[in-house]
Each structure stands twice: as structure tokens, then as C-alpha cells.
Amino acid sequence: MTLRIIDAKKGKLTDADIWMLAEIEEHPKIAKWDTPTFKGDVEKACNGFKEFMEKLPQTDDEFLIAKLDGKIVGFVGIHRFRGEIGEMKHVGEIGIAVHPDFQKRGVGTKLLVTCLSLAKERKFTRLEADTLANNIAMRRLVEKVGFKLEGIRQKRFKRSGDYFDEACYAIVLD
């Protein structure tokens, strides 16, 4: 079994690849930790990913895909902050997802380590990763690769009548 990390800006993704990304994004075990953009609708998510991938080469954003024996099992993206006069263009916000069937196998770690290298190449000096405070797996993952907890935003999200805290992490790249 060979795990490869692919820069989406350098390779053309097939419709099947994009469908796999959407399936991961909308998987119920992933969606419980994420802001529900498409509310489980894989087809809408697929269309969203297609649009994103078409625009990606013209943006300052980055997107890496983890493939295991030809099957997409995870991804990480960096959204570059823009600001009106570029005062925050050195900052990126990451989002990462690994299919539940492939978690706890080093996929997330490899994605993030590769992401950090790419971020340095692309002149990011700071990356941020915010997650629900009770998402212990994500918190351990970002801490493992060097992110530091900067604070907890209390009652940041409300879902189904319950409030959830958000843990805010960052790493400064040398």
C-alpha cells in the first residue's frame, strides 16, 4: 500500500476523484466536526469541489490530496487570508479531512507535514487551524506537527440547540 500526497494545482483530477473528495467531506463522521456546507448532499458537494478545483489555479489557496493505492482517502487545504491591502496575506487557514476508514494510519500526519512544507514554499508565515474543542483527534493531530493552542472561544457554535467551544491553534513557520 502506497500513500501519495498530490498537489491539486499540479494535476488534473477526474470526476471520480472529485466525487471521492465530496464523499469524504459529507461523510457523517466528518460532518459532525465541520461546518455543514452541503448538509450531507454529496452531489452538491461534488459540484462545489468541481467549481473550487476549476478556480484553484488562479488563487493563492493550496490543496493537497492523499491517495492510497489510487483511492483518495483525505485532503488538506490552505485558504490564504486576503485583507483589503494584503496585511494578512502571510496567514493561511487550514482544513483537513481523512476518511474515517483510513484514520489512525498516519494519513493526516503525512498530509499536514507536506502541507507545512508547501506553506513555507508559498511564503506563508503563519497557519491557523480552528476546530471544535471536543474534537480531540484533530487537536492531537495539529499539536503533533507543531501547532500551539492560542485559546478557546467559548460557545462559538450552536448546533441543534447546543453550544460548542472552539479551539484555536496556530503555527509560525520559520
Protein backbone atom coordinates (compact mmCIF):
# COMPACT_ATOMS: atom_id res chain seq x y z
CA MET A 1 0.00 0.00 0.00
CA THR A 2 1.47 3.28 -1.12
CA LEU A 3 0.31 6.63 0.24
CA ARG A 4 0.95 9.54 -2.11
CA ILE A 5 0.34 13.23 -1.43
CA ILE A 6 -0.65 15.14 -4.58
CA ASP A 7 -0.73 18.89 -5.14
CA ALA A 8 -4.11 19.54 -6.79
CA LYS A 9 -2.69 22.58 -8.62
CA LYS A 10 -0.23 20.35 -10.46
CA GLY A 11 -2.52 17.55 -11.55
CA LYS A 12 -5.89 17.19 -13.20
CA LEU A 13 -8.47 15.43 -11.09
CA THR A 14 -11.00 13.08 -12.62
CA ASP A 15 -14.72 13.26 -11.93
CA ALA A 16 -14.27 10.10 -9.83
CA ASP A 17 -11.57 11.87 -7.77
CA ILE A 18 -13.83 14.85 -7.14
CA TRP A 19 -16.68 12.53 -6.17
CA MET A 20 -14.38 10.86 -3.61
CA LEU A 21 -13.50 14.28 -2.14
CA ALA A 22 -17.20 15.08 -1.82
CA GLU A 23 -17.92 11.73 -0.17
CA ILE A 24 -15.24 12.39 2.42
CA GLU A 25 -16.43 15.96 3.06
CA GLU A 26 -20.05 14.87 3.53
CA HIS A 27 -19.38 11.64 5.46
CA PRO A 28 -21.44 11.84 8.68
CA LYS A 29 -18.37 11.16 10.86
CA ILE A 30 -16.55 14.08 9.18
CA ALA A 31 -19.54 16.42 9.01
CA LYS A 32 -20.07 16.22 12.77
CA TRP A 33 -16.83 18.17 13.23
CA ASP A 34 -17.23 20.57 10.31
CA THR A 35 -19.45 23.47 9.37
CA PRO A 36 -22.17 21.72 7.36
CA THR A 37 -21.93 23.37 3.94
CA PHE A 38 -23.91 20.85 1.92
CA LYS A 39 -25.72 19.05 4.78
CA GLY A 40 -24.85 15.55 3.56
CA ASP A 41 -25.70 16.17 -0.10
CA VAL A 42 -22.75 14.51 -1.88
CA GLU A 43 -23.89 15.68 -5.32
CA LYS A 44 -23.96 19.34 -4.23
CA ALA A 45 -20.59 18.89 -2.53
CA CYS A 46 -19.23 17.36 -5.75
CA ASN A 47 -20.39 20.41 -7.73
CA GLY A 48 -18.80 22.65 -5.10
CA PHE A 49 -15.48 20.79 -5.38
CA LYS A 50 -15.59 20.97 -9.20
CA GLU A 51 -16.06 24.74 -9.07
CA PHE A 52 -13.31 25.07 -6.45
CA MET A 53 -10.87 22.95 -8.48
CA GLU A 54 -11.53 24.96 -11.65
CA LYS A 55 -10.70 28.22 -9.84
CA LEU A 56 -7.84 26.85 -7.70
CA PRO A 57 -5.00 27.53 -10.19
CA GLN A 58 -5.90 31.24 -10.25
CA THR A 59 -5.94 31.60 -6.45
CA ASP A 60 -3.38 31.82 -3.65
CA ASP A 61 -5.05 28.86 -1.95
CA GLU A 62 -3.47 25.40 -1.82
CA PHE A 63 -4.97 21.91 -1.82
CA LEU A 64 -3.29 18.56 -1.23
CA ILE A 65 -4.84 15.15 -1.71
CA ALA A 66 -3.86 11.85 -0.07
CA LYS A 67 -4.18 8.82 -2.36
CA LEU A 68 -3.74 5.29 -1.13
CA ASP A 69 -3.39 2.79 -3.95
CA GLY A 70 -5.16 5.19 -6.31
CA LYS A 71 -8.07 5.97 -3.99
CA ILE A 72 -8.47 9.41 -2.39
CA VAL A 73 -8.55 8.95 1.38
CA GLY A 74 -8.03 12.50 2.61
CA PHE A 75 -7.21 16.10 1.83
CA VAL A 76 -5.97 19.33 3.32
CA GLY A 77 -6.48 22.85 2.05
CA ILE A 78 -4.93 26.18 2.92
CA HIS A 79 -7.06 29.26 2.44
CA ARG A 80 -4.87 32.36 2.23
CA PHE A 81 -6.29 35.36 4.06
CA ARG A 82 -6.53 38.33 1.76
CA GLY A 83 -7.39 41.55 3.59
CA GLU A 84 -8.02 44.84 1.85
CA ILE A 85 -4.38 45.81 1.41
CA GLY A 86 -2.75 42.45 1.87
CA GLU A 87 -1.89 42.89 5.54
CA MET A 88 -2.82 39.26 6.23
CA LYS A 89 -1.66 37.53 3.03
CA HIS A 90 1.04 35.77 5.04
CA VAL A 91 -1.65 33.90 7.03
CA GLY A 92 -3.42 30.74 5.95
CA GLU A 93 -6.25 28.79 7.49
CA ILE A 94 -6.16 25.02 7.09
CA GLY A 95 -8.94 22.50 6.77
CA ILE A 96 -8.24 18.78 6.78
CA ALA A 97 -10.32 15.63 6.43
CA VAL A 98 -9.38 11.96 6.34
CA HIS A 99 -11.99 9.33 5.52
CA PRO A 100 -12.96 7.54 8.76
CA ASP A 101 -11.92 4.17 7.32
CA PHE A 102 -8.35 5.49 6.97
CA GLN A 103 -7.94 7.45 10.18
CA LYS A 104 -5.27 6.50 12.73
CA ARG A 105 -2.95 5.28 9.95
CA GLY A 106 -0.73 8.37 9.60
CA VAL A 107 -2.62 9.87 6.65
CA GLY A 108 -3.49 13.09 8.49
CA THR A 109 0.06 13.45 9.80
CA LYS A 110 1.57 12.98 6.35
CA LEU A 111 -0.92 15.46 4.85
CA LEU A 112 -0.10 18.09 7.48
CA VAL A 113 3.68 17.62 7.29
CA THR A 114 3.50 18.02 3.50
CA CYS A 115 1.16 20.97 3.95
CA LEU A 116 3.67 22.72 6.23
CA SER A 117 6.44 22.29 3.64
CA LEU A 118 4.21 23.61 0.86
CA ALA A 119 3.14 26.56 3.03
CA LYS A 120 6.78 27.54 3.54
CA GLU A 121 7.43 27.32 -0.22
CA ARG A 122 4.39 29.51 -0.88
CA LYS A 123 5.60 32.16 1.61
CA PHE A 124 3.05 31.64 4.36
CA THR A 125 4.48 32.65 7.72
CA ARG A 126 1.54 31.58 9.86
CA LEU A 127 -1.07 28.84 9.59
CA GLU A 128 -4.18 28.62 11.71
CA ALA A 129 -6.35 25.59 12.49
CA ASP A 130 -9.60 26.03 14.36
CA THR A 131 -11.67 23.05 15.48
CA LEU A 132 -14.40 22.21 17.90
CA ALA A 133 -12.79 21.98 21.33
CA ASN A 134 -14.16 18.47 21.83
CA ASN A 135 -12.53 17.21 18.60
CA ILE A 136 -9.69 15.53 20.48
CA ALA A 137 -8.35 13.65 17.43
CA MET A 138 -7.90 16.89 15.44
CA ARG A 139 -6.36 18.66 18.41
CA ARG A 140 -3.82 15.84 18.88
CA LEU A 141 -3.03 15.84 15.16
CA VAL A 142 -2.25 19.55 14.90
CA GLU A 143 -0.29 19.51 18.16
CA LYS A 144 1.73 16.54 16.88
CA VAL A 145 3.04 18.59 13.93
CA GLY A 146 3.77 21.72 15.97
CA PHE A 147 0.60 23.83 16.16
CA LYS A 148 0.11 25.60 19.50
CA LEU A 149 -3.19 26.26 21.25
CA GLU A 150 -3.81 30.01 21.28
CA GLY A 151 -7.16 29.96 23.02
CA ILE A 152 -10.67 28.60 23.37
CA ARG A 153 -13.63 30.56 22.05
CA GLN A 154 -16.49 29.66 24.35
CA LYS A 155 -19.90 28.84 22.91
CA ARG A 156 -18.64 29.69 19.39
CA PHE A 157 -21.03 27.37 17.53
CA LYS A 158 -24.64 26.42 18.08
CA ARG A 159 -25.94 23.17 16.63
CA SER A 160 -29.27 21.54 17.37
CA GLY A 161 -29.73 23.84 20.36
CA ASP A 162 -26.35 23.04 21.94
CA TYR A 163 -23.36 25.37 22.18
CA PHE A 164 -19.83 24.22 21.39
CA ASP A 165 -16.47 25.76 22.17
CA GLU A 166 -13.83 26.23 19.50
CA ALA A 167 -10.11 25.55 20.00
CA CYS A 168 -7.86 27.95 18.07
CA TYR A 169 -4.45 26.70 17.00
CA ALA A 170 -1.61 28.28 15.03
CA ILE A 171 1.93 27.61 13.92
CA VAL A 172 4.52 30.18 12.92
CA LEU A 173 6.66 28.93 10.05
CA ASP A 174 10.36 29.86 10.08
